[in-house]
Amino acid sequence: MAVILVFAGEYDLACQKELRRELQRVYAEPNVVLDFSEVTYIDSSCITELLLLNRARRESGFERESILLPNGSGATRRVFEVAGLTKVFNVIESLDADAGDIVARAVVR
């Protein structure tokens, strides 16, 4: 079973606090999928928040999160690759095959 947070739009310094608040909701969830398939832009503030989430969850003994980045994710996928996030997170291509059952879904814009 997985808790899935669906993100859409652009994530930059202007929405960092909102992003942090949403990510903190899943700090204690055992299986998390972050769906970035509808994200068109992320900057270093978003990357920072994702790394903080990963560190907090790892310190709590949880496995690494899954990030949904389908092949068509373009620029967002490239940022994840360049920043080395594809080594930190489990990048998946679809929810059907990889995520399991959906417990909760939240759209964060």
PDB file of N, CA and C in Angstrom:
ATOM      1  N   MET A   1       0.844  -1.183   0.000  1.00  0.00           N
ATOM      2  CA  MET A   1       0.000   0.000   0.000  1.00  0.00           C
ATOM      3  C   MET A   1       0.887   1.243   0.000  1.00  0.00           C
ATOM      4  N   ALA A   2       0.449   2.254  -0.681  1.00  0.00           N
ATOM      5  CA  ALA A   2       1.261   3.456  -0.801  1.00  0.00           C
ATOM      6  C   ALA A   2       0.411   4.695  -0.597  1.00  0.00           C
ATOM      7  N   VAL A   3       1.037   5.695  -0.009  1.00  0.00           N
ATOM      8  CA  VAL A   3       0.457   7.027   0.020  1.00  0.00           C
ATOM      9  C   VAL A   3       1.072   7.760  -1.154  1.00  0.00           C
ATOM     10  N   ILE A   4       0.225   8.334  -1.988  1.00  0.00           N
ATOM     11  CA  ILE A   4       0.712   9.005  -3.188  1.00  0.00           C
ATOM     12  C   ILE A   4       0.398  10.488  -3.109  1.00  0.00           C
ATOM     13  N   LEU A   5       1.436  11.310  -3.246  1.00  0.00           N
ATOM     14  CA  LEU A   5       1.255  12.750  -3.369  1.00  0.00           C
ATOM     15  C   LEU A   5       1.474  13.111  -4.824  1.00  0.00           C
ATOM     16  N   VAL A   6       0.494  13.756  -5.422  1.00  0.00           N
ATOM     17  CA  VAL A   6       0.570  14.141  -6.827  1.00  0.00           C
ATOM     18  C   VAL A   6       0.892  15.628  -6.903  1.00  0.00           C
ATOM     19  N   PHE A   7       1.954  15.953  -7.593  1.00  0.00           N
ATOM     20  CA  PHE A   7       2.381  17.338  -7.743  1.00  0.00           C
ATOM     21  C   PHE A   7       2.135  17.789  -9.176  1.00  0.00           C
ATOM     22  N   ALA A   8       1.800  19.069  -9.334  1.00  0.00           N
ATOM     23  CA  ALA A   8       1.553  19.607 -10.670  1.00  0.00           C
ATOM     24  C   ALA A   8       2.004  21.059 -10.717  1.00  0.00           C
ATOM     25  N   GLY A   9       2.466  21.487 -11.874  1.00  0.00           N
ATOM     26  CA  GLY A   9       2.852  22.883 -12.051  1.00  0.00           C
ATOM     27  C   GLY A   9       4.325  23.111 -11.789  1.00  0.00           C
ATOM     28  N   GLU A  10       4.639  24.282 -11.255  1.00  0.00           N
ATOM     29  CA  GLU A  10       6.021  24.698 -11.014  1.00  0.00           C
ATOM     30  C   GLU A  10       6.305  24.778  -9.515  1.00  0.00           C
ATOM     31  N   TYR A  11       7.509  24.341  -9.136  1.00  0.00           N
ATOM     32  CA  TYR A  11       7.928  24.391  -7.733  1.00  0.00           C
ATOM     33  C   TYR A  11       9.244  25.152  -7.645  1.00  0.00           C
ATOM     34  N   ASP A  12       9.165  26.312  -6.989  1.00  0.00           N
ATOM     35  CA  ASP A  12      10.339  27.152  -6.820  1.00  0.00           C
ATOM     36  C   ASP A  12      10.327  27.736  -5.418  1.00  0.00           C
ATOM     37  N   LEU A  13      11.199  28.678  -5.160  1.00  0.00           N
ATOM     38  CA  LEU A  13      11.333  29.262  -3.826  1.00  0.00           C
ATOM     39  C   LEU A  13      10.021  29.845  -3.304  1.00  0.00           C
ATOM     40  N   ALA A  14       9.184  30.355  -4.176  1.00  0.00           N
ATOM     41  CA  ALA A  14       7.922  30.973  -3.762  1.00  0.00           C
ATOM     42  C   ALA A  14       6.967  29.985  -3.100  1.00  0.00           C
ATOM     43  N   CYS A  15       7.076  28.715  -3.409  1.00  0.00           N
ATOM     44  CA  CYS A  15       6.158  27.732  -2.812  1.00  0.00           C
ATOM     45  C   CYS A  15       6.881  26.716  -1.937  1.00  0.00           C
ATOM     46  N   GLN A  16       8.110  27.042  -1.526  1.00  0.00           N
ATOM     47  CA  GLN A  16       8.901  26.100  -0.739  1.00  0.00           C
ATOM     48  C   GLN A  16       8.230  25.727   0.581  1.00  0.00           C
ATOM     49  N   LYS A  17       7.657  26.696   1.291  1.00  0.00           N
ATOM     50  CA  LYS A  17       7.026  26.395   2.574  1.00  0.00           C
ATOM     51  C   LYS A  17       5.826  25.476   2.402  1.00  0.00           C
ATOM     52  N   GLU A  18       5.034  25.723   1.360  1.00  0.00           N
ATOM     53  CA  GLU A  18       3.879  24.860   1.093  1.00  0.00           C
ATOM     54  C   GLU A  18       4.345  23.443   0.747  1.00  0.00           C
ATOM     55  N   LEU A  19       5.369  23.343  -0.076  1.00  0.00           N
ATOM     56  CA  LEU A  19       5.912  22.042  -0.435  1.00  0.00           C
ATOM     57  C   LEU A  19       6.409  21.314   0.807  1.00  0.00           C
ATOM     58  N   ARG A  20       7.146  22.001   1.657  1.00  0.00           N
ATOM     59  CA  ARG A  20       7.651  21.403   2.896  1.00  0.00           C
ATOM     60  C   ARG A  20       6.502  20.872   3.743  1.00  0.00           C
ATOM     61  N   ARG A  21       5.461  21.671   3.887  1.00  0.00           N
ATOM     62  CA  ARG A  21       4.303  21.280   4.690  1.00  0.00           C
ATOM     63  C   ARG A  21       3.658  20.004   4.133  1.00  0.00           C
ATOM     64  N   GLU A  22       3.508  19.935   2.828  1.00  0.00           N
ATOM     65  CA  GLU A  22       2.905  18.743   2.209  1.00  0.00           C
ATOM     66  C   GLU A  22       3.802  17.517   2.362  1.00  0.00           C
ATOM     67  N   LEU A  23       5.088  17.689   2.179  1.00  0.00           N
ATOM     68  CA  LEU A  23       5.999  16.560   2.311  1.00  0.00           C
ATOM     69  C   LEU A  23       6.084  16.066   3.748  1.00  0.00           C
ATOM     70  N   GLN A  24       5.983  16.962   4.713  1.00  0.00           N
ATOM     71  CA  GLN A  24       6.025  16.561   6.123  1.00  0.00           C
ATOM     72  C   GLN A  24       4.871  15.642   6.485  1.00  0.00           C
ATOM     73  N   ARG A  25       3.784  15.707   5.740  1.00  0.00           N
ATOM     74  CA  ARG A  25       2.634  14.832   5.987  1.00  0.00           C
ATOM     75  C   ARG A  25       2.986  13.366   5.795  1.00  0.00           C
ATOM     76  N   VAL A  26       4.003  13.075   5.003  1.00  0.00           N
ATOM     77  CA  VAL A  26       4.329  11.678   4.708  1.00  0.00           C
ATOM     78  C   VAL A  26       5.635  11.217   5.364  1.00  0.00           C
ATOM     79  N   TYR A  27       6.189  12.008   6.267  1.00  0.00           N
ATOM     80  CA  TYR A  27       7.420  11.614   6.942  1.00  0.00           C
ATOM     81  C   TYR A  27       7.281  10.253   7.632  1.00  0.00           C
ATOM     82  N   ALA A  28       6.125   9.962   8.193  1.00  0.00           N
ATOM     83  CA  ALA A  28       5.932   8.741   8.976  1.00  0.00           C
ATOM     84  C   ALA A  28       5.182   7.643   8.212  1.00  0.00           C
ATOM     85  N   GLU A  29       4.972   7.818   6.935  1.00  0.00           N
ATOM     86  CA  GLU A  29       4.283   6.797   6.140  1.00  0.00           C
ATOM     87  C   GLU A  29       5.303   5.771   5.647  1.00  0.00           C
ATOM     88  N   PRO A  30       4.988   4.494   5.754  1.00  0.00           N
ATOM     89  CA  PRO A  30       5.968   3.478   5.361  1.00  0.00           C
ATOM     90  C   PRO A  30       6.239   3.389   3.859  1.00  0.00           C
ATOM     91  N   ASN A  31       5.252   3.671   3.020  1.00  0.00           N
ATOM     92  CA  ASN A  31       5.448   3.556   1.583  1.00  0.00           C
ATOM     93  C   ASN A  31       4.900   4.809   0.913  1.00  0.00           C
ATOM     94  N   VAL A  32       5.770   5.560   0.282  1.00  0.00           N
ATOM     95  CA  VAL A  32       5.399   6.852  -0.297  1.00  0.00           C
ATOM     96  C   VAL A  32       5.784   6.902  -1.769  1.00  0.00           C
ATOM     97  N   VAL A  33       4.854   7.426  -2.573  1.00  0.00           N
ATOM     98  CA  VAL A  33       5.138   7.697  -3.979  1.00  0.00           C
ATOM     99  C   VAL A  33       4.893   9.182  -4.207  1.00  0.00           C
ATOM    100  N   LEU A  34       5.870   9.854  -4.754  1.00  0.00           N
ATOM    101  CA  LEU A  34       5.751  11.264  -5.106  1.00  0.00           C
ATOM    102  C   LEU A  34       5.605  11.335  -6.619  1.00  0.00           C
ATOM    103  N   ASP A  35       4.431  11.710  -7.063  1.00  0.00           N
ATOM    104  CA  ASP A  35       4.126  11.724  -8.491  1.00  0.00           C
ATOM    105  C   ASP A  35       4.457  13.106  -9.071  1.00  0.00           C
ATOM    106  N   PHE A  36       5.549  13.183  -9.800  1.00  0.00           N
ATOM    107  CA  PHE A  36       5.995  14.425 -10.417  1.00  0.00           C
ATOM    108  C   PHE A  36       5.703  14.444 -11.917  1.00  0.00           C
ATOM    109  N   SER A  37       4.806  13.597 -12.366  1.00  0.00           N
ATOM    110  CA  SER A  37       4.557  13.486 -13.801  1.00  0.00           C
ATOM    111  C   SER A  37       3.910  14.734 -14.396  1.00  0.00           C
ATOM    112  N   GLU A  38       3.269  15.561 -13.569  1.00  0.00           N
ATOM    113  CA  GLU A  38       2.637  16.782 -14.068  1.00  0.00           C
ATOM    114  C   GLU A  38       3.411  18.047 -13.685  1.00  0.00           C
ATOM    115  N   VAL A  39       4.634  17.886 -13.201  1.00  0.00           N
ATOM    116  CA  VAL A  39       5.454  19.031 -12.812  1.00  0.00           C
ATOM    117  C   VAL A  39       6.236  19.515 -14.023  1.00  0.00           C
ATOM    118  N   THR A  40       6.183  20.830 -14.243  1.00  0.00           N
ATOM    119  CA  THR A  40       6.865  21.397 -15.411  1.00  0.00           C
ATOM    120  C   THR A  40       8.180  22.084 -15.068  1.00  0.00           C
ATOM    121  N   TYR A  41       8.393  22.376 -13.765  1.00  0.00           N
ATOM    122  CA  TYR A  41       9.617  23.083 -13.374  1.00  0.00           C
ATOM    123  C   TYR A  41       9.890  22.829 -11.901  1.00  0.00           C
ATOM    124  N   ILE A  42      11.145  22.567 -11.570  1.00  0.00           N
ATOM    125  CA  ILE A  42      11.574  22.520 -10.168  1.00  0.00           C
ATOM    126  C   ILE A  42      12.914  23.232 -10.071  1.00  0.00           C
ATOM    127  N   ASP A  43      13.148  23.867  -8.920  1.00  0.00           N
ATOM    128  CA  ASP A  43      14.445  24.503  -8.704  1.00  0.00           C
ATOM    129  C   ASP A  43      15.111  23.870  -7.488  1.00  0.00           C
ATOM    130  N   SER A  44      16.210  24.452  -7.061  1.00  0.00           N
ATOM    131  CA  SER A  44      16.991  23.874  -5.968  1.00  0.00           C
ATOM    132  C   SER A  44      16.233  23.848  -4.643  1.00  0.00           C
ATOM    133  N   SER A  45      15.268  24.744  -4.455  1.00  0.00           N
ATOM    134  CA  SER A  45      14.497  24.717  -3.204  1.00  0.00           C
ATOM    135  C   SER A  45      13.640  23.450  -3.134  1.00  0.00           C
ATOM    136  N   CYS A  46      13.124  23.012  -4.258  1.00  0.00           N
ATOM    137  CA  CYS A  46      12.356  21.767  -4.314  1.00  0.00           C
ATOM    138  C   CYS A  46      13.274  20.574  -4.054  1.00  0.00           C
ATOM    139  N   ILE A  47      14.426  20.594  -4.660  1.00  0.00           N
ATOM    140  CA  ILE A  47      15.396  19.518  -4.452  1.00  0.00           C
ATOM    141  C   ILE A  47      15.779  19.430  -2.982  1.00  0.00           C
ATOM    142  N   THR A  48      16.001  20.576  -2.348  1.00  0.00           N
ATOM    143  CA  THR A  48      16.330  20.604  -0.922  1.00  0.00           C
ATOM    144  C   THR A  48      15.242  19.941  -0.102  1.00  0.00           C
ATOM    145  N   GLU A  49      13.988  20.271  -0.369  1.00  0.00           N
ATOM    146  CA  GLU A  49      12.873  19.697   0.393  1.00  0.00           C
ATOM    147  C   GLU A  49      12.769  18.186   0.176  1.00  0.00           C
ATOM    148  N   LEU A  50      13.016  17.736  -1.036  1.00  0.00           N
ATOM    149  CA  LEU A  50      12.984  16.301  -1.301  1.00  0.00           C
ATOM    150  C   LEU A  50      14.097  15.575  -0.554  1.00  0.00           C
ATOM    151  N   LEU A  51      15.275  16.178  -0.505  1.00  0.00           N
ATOM    152  CA  LEU A  51      16.383  15.569   0.219  1.00  0.00           C
ATOM    153  C   LEU A  51      16.138  15.561   1.730  1.00  0.00           C
ATOM    154  N   LEU A  52      15.502  16.609   2.247  1.00  0.00           N
ATOM    155  CA  LEU A  52      15.142  16.628   3.673  1.00  0.00           C
ATOM    156  C   LEU A  52      14.140  15.532   3.990  1.00  0.00           C
ATOM    157  N   LEU A  53      13.169  15.345   3.113  1.00  0.00           N
ATOM    158  CA  LEU A  53      12.196  14.263   3.282  1.00  0.00           C
ATOM    159  C   LEU A  53      12.916  12.924   3.303  1.00  0.00           C
ATOM    160  N   ASN A  54      13.775  12.713   2.348  1.00  0.00           N
ATOM    161  CA  ASN A  54      14.496  11.450   2.251  1.00  0.00           C
ATOM    162  C   ASN A  54      15.324  11.189   3.497  1.00  0.00           C
ATOM    163  N   ARG A  55      16.020  12.203   3.991  1.00  0.00           N
ATOM    164  CA  ARG A  55      16.850  12.032   5.177  1.00  0.00           C
ATOM    165  C   ARG A  55      16.005  11.706   6.408  1.00  0.00           C
ATOM    166  N   ALA A  56      14.910  12.436   6.598  1.00  0.00           N
ATOM    167  CA  ALA A  56      14.040  12.197   7.758  1.00  0.00           C
ATOM    168  C   ALA A  56      13.460  10.783   7.715  1.00  0.00           C
ATOM    169  N   ARG A  57      13.026  10.361   6.555  1.00  0.00           N
ATOM    170  CA  ARG A  57      12.441   9.019   6.433  1.00  0.00           C
ATOM    171  C   ARG A  57      13.511   7.942   6.613  1.00  0.00           C
ATOM    172  N   ARG A  58      14.679   8.157   6.079  1.00  0.00           N
ATOM    173  CA  ARG A  58      15.767   7.195   6.235  1.00  0.00           C
ATOM    174  C   ARG A  58      16.168   7.058   7.697  1.00  0.00           C
ATOM    175  N   GLU A  59      16.225   8.190   8.416  1.00  0.00           N
ATOM    176  CA  GLU A  59      16.562   8.155   9.845  1.00  0.00           C
ATOM    177  C   GLU A  59      15.497   7.437  10.664  1.00  0.00           C
ATOM    178  N   SER A  60      14.251   7.388  10.150  1.00  0.00           N
ATOM    179  CA  SER A  60      13.165   6.676  10.815  1.00  0.00           C
ATOM    180  C   SER A  60      13.100   5.210  10.405  1.00  0.00           C
ATOM    181  N   GLY A  61      14.012   4.791   9.542  1.00  0.00           N
ATOM    182  CA  GLY A  61      14.083   3.395   9.149  1.00  0.00           C
ATOM    183  C   GLY A  61      13.239   3.008   7.959  1.00  0.00           C
ATOM    184  N   PHE A  62      12.684   3.979   7.244  1.00  0.00           N
ATOM    185  CA  PHE A  62      11.877   3.678   6.074  1.00  0.00           C
ATOM    186  C   PHE A  62      12.763   3.512   4.846  1.00  0.00           C
ATOM    187  N   GLU A  63      12.243   2.732   3.890  1.00  0.00           N
ATOM    188  CA  GLU A  63      12.947   2.593   2.625  1.00  0.00           C
ATOM    189  C   GLU A  63      12.815   3.883   1.835  1.00  0.00           C
ATOM    190  N   ARG A  64      13.632   4.009   0.818  1.00  0.00           N
ATOM    191  CA  ARG A  64      13.587   5.231   0.023  1.00  0.00           C
ATOM    192  C   ARG A  64      12.260   5.367  -0.712  1.00  0.00           C
ATOM    193  N   GLU A  65      11.883   6.601  -0.947  1.00  0.00           N
ATOM    194  CA  GLU A  65      10.631   6.915  -1.601  1.00  0.00           C
ATOM    195  C   GLU A  65      10.715   6.596  -3.080  1.00  0.00           C
ATOM    196  N   SER A  66       9.550   6.410  -3.666  1.00  0.00           N
ATOM    197  CA  SER A  66       9.472   6.260  -5.115  1.00  0.00           C
ATOM    198  C   SER A  66       9.031   7.586  -5.710  1.00  0.00           C
ATOM    199  N   ILE A  67       9.638   7.948  -6.805  1.00  0.00           N
ATOM    200  CA  ILE A  67       9.263   9.158  -7.529  1.00  0.00           C
ATOM    201  C   ILE A  67       8.804   8.734  -8.911  1.00  0.00           C
ATOM    202  N   LEU A  68       7.588   9.126  -9.249  1.00  0.00           N
ATOM    203  CA  LEU A  68       7.062   8.809 -10.564  1.00  0.00           C
ATOM    204  C   LEU A  68       7.539   9.855 -11.560  1.00  0.00           C
ATOM    205  N   LEU A  69       8.335   9.426 -12.510  1.00  0.00           N
ATOM    206  CA  LEU A  69       8.845  10.286 -13.580  1.00  0.00           C
ATOM    207  C   LEU A  69       8.733   9.513 -14.885  1.00  0.00           C
ATOM    208  N   PRO A  70       7.572   9.553 -15.524  1.00  0.00           N
ATOM    209  CA  PRO A  70       7.445   8.843 -16.796  1.00  0.00           C
ATOM    210  C   PRO A  70       8.433   9.383 -17.824  1.00  0.00           C
ATOM    211  N   ASN A  71       8.678   8.615 -18.854  1.00  0.00           N
ATOM    212  CA  ASN A  71       9.624   9.022 -19.897  1.00  0.00           C
ATOM    213  C   ASN A  71       9.354  10.409 -20.441  1.00  0.00           C
ATOM    214  N   GLY A  72       8.105  10.828 -20.494  1.00  0.00           N
ATOM    215  CA  GLY A  72       7.763  12.120 -21.063  1.00  0.00           C
ATOM    216  C   GLY A  72       7.945  13.303 -20.122  1.00  0.00           C
ATOM    217  N   SER A  73       8.547  13.111 -18.956  1.00  0.00           N
ATOM    218  CA  SER A  73       8.653  14.192 -17.979  1.00  0.00           C
ATOM    219  C   SER A  73       9.681  15.253 -18.344  1.00  0.00           C
ATOM    220  N   GLY A  74      10.388  15.092 -19.429  1.00  0.00           N
ATOM    221  CA  GLY A  74      11.270  16.103 -19.992  1.00  0.00           C
ATOM    222  C   GLY A  74      12.209  16.801 -19.041  1.00  0.00           C
ATOM    223  N   ALA A  75      12.018  18.113 -18.881  1.00  0.00           N
ATOM    224  CA  ALA A  75      12.931  18.946 -18.110  1.00  0.00           C
ATOM    225  C   ALA A  75      13.014  18.516 -16.655  1.00  0.00           C
ATOM    226  N   THR A  76      11.898  18.112 -16.070  1.00  0.00           N
ATOM    227  CA  THR A  76      11.914  17.679 -14.667  1.00  0.00           C
ATOM    228  C   THR A  76      12.770  16.433 -14.512  1.00  0.00           C
ATOM    229  N   ARG A  77      12.624  15.495 -15.410  1.00  0.00           N
ATOM    230  CA  ARG A  77      13.451  14.287 -15.367  1.00  0.00           C
ATOM    231  C   ARG A  77      14.927  14.658 -15.481  1.00  0.00           C
ATOM    232  N   ARG A  78      15.242  15.589 -16.368  1.00  0.00           N
ATOM    233  CA  ARG A  78      16.636  15.997 -16.567  1.00  0.00           C
ATOM    234  C   ARG A  78      17.216  16.610 -15.295  1.00  0.00           C
ATOM    235  N   VAL A  79      16.434  17.432 -14.589  1.00  0.00           N
ATOM    236  CA  VAL A  79      16.892  18.020 -13.327  1.00  0.00           C
ATOM    237  C   VAL A  79      17.180  16.918 -12.314  1.00  0.00           C
ATOM    238  N   PHE A  80      16.300  15.925 -12.222  1.00  0.00           N
ATOM    239  CA  PHE A  80      16.525  14.809 -11.303  1.00  0.00           C
ATOM    240  C   PHE A  80      17.807  14.069 -11.651  1.00  0.00           C
ATOM    241  N   GLU A  81      18.045  13.869 -12.934  1.00  0.00           N
ATOM    242  CA  GLU A  81      19.249  13.158 -13.365  1.00  0.00           C
ATOM    243  C   GLU A  81      20.507  13.965 -13.061  1.00  0.00           C
ATOM    244  N   VAL A  82      20.511  15.243 -13.427  1.00  0.00           N
ATOM    245  CA  VAL A  82      21.687  16.091 -13.227  1.00  0.00           C
ATOM    246  C   VAL A  82      22.005  16.265 -11.745  1.00  0.00           C
ATOM    247  N   ALA A  83      20.962  16.406 -10.930  1.00  0.00           N
ATOM    248  CA  ALA A  83      21.151  16.597  -9.484  1.00  0.00           C
ATOM    249  C   ALA A  83      21.480  15.295  -8.756  1.00  0.00           C
ATOM    250  N   GLY A  84      21.456  14.178  -9.457  1.00  0.00           N
ATOM    251  CA  GLY A  84      21.771  12.901  -8.836  1.00  0.00           C
ATOM    252  C   GLY A  84      20.625  12.306  -8.026  1.00  0.00           C
ATOM    253  N   LEU A  85      19.437  12.863  -8.170  1.00  0.00           N
ATOM    254  CA  LEU A  85      18.293  12.368  -7.396  1.00  0.00           C
ATOM    255  C   LEU A  85      17.839  10.991  -7.851  1.00  0.00           C
ATOM    256  N   THR A  86      18.196  10.594  -9.059  1.00  0.00           N
ATOM    257  CA  THR A  86      17.815   9.259  -9.519  1.00  0.00           C
ATOM    258  C   THR A  86      18.584   8.182  -8.761  1.00  0.00           C
ATOM    259  N   LYS A  87      19.640   8.560  -8.045  1.00  0.00           N
ATOM    260  CA  LYS A  87      20.382   7.617  -7.206  1.00  0.00           C
ATOM    261  C   LYS A  87      19.855   7.611  -5.775  1.00  0.00           C
ATOM    262  N   VAL A  88      19.168   8.684  -5.397  1.00  0.00           N
ATOM    263  CA  VAL A  88      18.631   8.816  -4.040  1.00  0.00           C
ATOM    264  C   VAL A  88      17.226   8.235  -3.950  1.00  0.00           C
ATOM    265  N   PHE A  89      16.430   8.473  -4.975  1.00  0.00           N
ATOM    266  CA  PHE A  89      15.046   8.025  -4.997  1.00  0.00           C
ATOM    267  C   PHE A  89      14.881   6.862  -5.967  1.00  0.00           C
ATOM    268  N   ASN A  90      13.866   6.077  -5.737  1.00  0.00           N
ATOM    269  CA  ASN A  90      13.505   4.993  -6.627  1.00  0.00           C
ATOM    270  C   ASN A  90      12.611   5.574  -7.720  1.00  0.00           C
ATOM    271  N   VAL A  91      13.147   5.781  -8.906  1.00  0.00           N
ATOM    272  CA  VAL A  91      12.388   6.387 -10.005  1.00  0.00           C
ATOM    273  C   VAL A  91      11.601   5.287 -10.716  1.00  0.00           C
ATOM    274  N   ILE A  92      10.290   5.509 -10.828  1.00  0.00           N
ATOM    275  CA  ILE A  92       9.420   4.546 -11.487  1.00  0.00           C
ATOM    276  C   ILE A  92       8.760   5.187 -12.698  1.00  0.00           C
ATOM    277  N   GLU A  93       8.294   4.386 -13.611  1.00  0.00           N
ATOM    278  CA  GLU A  93       7.705   4.882 -14.855  1.00  0.00           C
ATOM    279  C   GLU A  93       6.183   4.952 -14.806  1.00  0.00           C
ATOM    280  N   SER A  94       5.554   4.144 -13.944  1.00  0.00           N
ATOM    281  CA  SER A  94       4.094   4.160 -13.859  1.00  0.00           C
ATOM    282  C   SER A  94       3.648   3.721 -12.479  1.00  0.00           C
ATOM    283  N   LEU A  95       2.456   4.116 -12.101  1.00  0.00           N
ATOM    284  CA  LEU A  95       1.899   3.722 -10.817  1.00  0.00           C
ATOM    285  C   LEU A  95       1.349   2.306 -10.856  1.00  0.00           C
ATOM    286  N   ASP A  96       0.789   1.903 -11.960  1.00  0.00           N
ATOM    287  CA  ASP A  96       0.138   0.602 -12.051  1.00  0.00           C
ATOM    288  C   ASP A  96       1.077  -0.543 -11.693  1.00  0.00           C
ATOM    289  N   ALA A  97       2.258  -0.522 -12.255  1.00  0.00           N
ATOM    290  CA  ALA A  97       3.172  -1.636 -12.077  1.00  0.00           C
ATOM    291  C   ALA A  97       3.982  -1.553 -10.791  1.00  0.00           C
ATOM    292  N   ASP A  98       4.199  -0.355 -10.281  1.00  0.00           N
ATOM    293  CA  ASP A  98       5.194  -0.196  -9.232  1.00  0.00           C
ATOM    294  C   ASP A  98       4.679   0.249  -7.863  1.00  0.00           C
ATOM    295  N   ALA A  99       3.548   0.889  -7.794  1.00  0.00           N
ATOM    296  CA  ALA A  99       3.176   1.543  -6.550  1.00  0.00           C
ATOM    297  C   ALA A  99       2.336   0.696  -5.622  1.00  0.00           C
ATOM    298  N   GLY A 100       1.638  -0.274  -6.115  1.00  0.00           N
ATOM    299  CA  GLY A 100       0.762  -1.039  -5.243  1.00  0.00           C
ATOM    300  C   GLY A 100      -0.548  -0.306  -5.035  1.00  0.00           C
ATOM    301  N   ASP A 101      -1.209  -0.609  -3.948  1.00  0.00           N
ATOM    302  CA  ASP A 101      -2.506  -0.007  -3.659  1.00  0.00           C
ATOM    303  C   ASP A 101      -2.349   1.440  -3.206  1.00  0.00           C
ATOM    304  N   ILE A 102      -3.285   2.266  -3.618  1.00  0.00           N
ATOM    305  CA  ILE A 102      -3.276   3.668  -3.229  1.00  0.00           C
ATOM    306  C   ILE A 102      -4.085   3.823  -1.951  1.00  0.00           C
ATOM    307  N   VAL A 103      -3.455   4.321  -0.896  1.00  0.00           N
ATOM    308  CA  VAL A 103      -4.151   4.567   0.359  1.00  0.00           C
ATOM    309  C   VAL A 103      -4.727   5.961   0.366  1.00  0.00           C
ATOM    310  N   ALA A 104      -3.943   6.918  -0.041  1.00  0.00           N
ATOM    311  CA  ALA A 104      -4.400   8.323  -0.063  1.00  0.00           C
ATOM    312  C   ALA A 104      -3.719   9.022  -1.219  1.00  0.00           C
ATOM    313  N   ARG A 105      -4.408   9.983  -1.751  1.00  0.00           N
ATOM    314  CA  ARG A 105      -3.833  10.755  -2.848  1.00  0.00           C
ATOM    315  C   ARG A 105      -4.144  12.214  -2.602  1.00  0.00           C
ATOM    316  N   ALA A 106      -3.147  13.052  -2.712  1.00  0.00           N
ATOM    317  CA  ALA A 106      -3.333  14.496  -2.542  1.00  0.00           C
ATOM    318  C   ALA A 106      -2.699  15.191  -3.733  1.00  0.00           C
ATOM    319  N   VAL A 107      -3.387  16.137  -4.287  1.00  0.00           N
ATOM    320  CA  VAL A 107      -2.838  16.932  -5.379  1.00  0.00           C
ATOM    321  C   VAL A 107      -2.268  18.203  -4.800  1.00  0.00           C
ATOM    322  N   VAL A 108      -1.005  18.436  -5.034  1.00  0.00           N
ATOM    323  CA  VAL A 108      -0.326  19.611  -4.499  1.00  0.00           C
ATOM    324  C   VAL A 108       0.063  20.502  -5.662  1.00  0.00           C
ATOM    325  N   ARG A 109      -0.439  21.737  -5.653  1.00  0.00           N
ATOM    326  CA  ARG A 109      -0.123  22.697  -6.723  1.00  0.00           C
ATOM    327  C   ARG A 109       0.472  23.940  -6.133  1.00  0.00           C
TER     328      ARG A 109
END
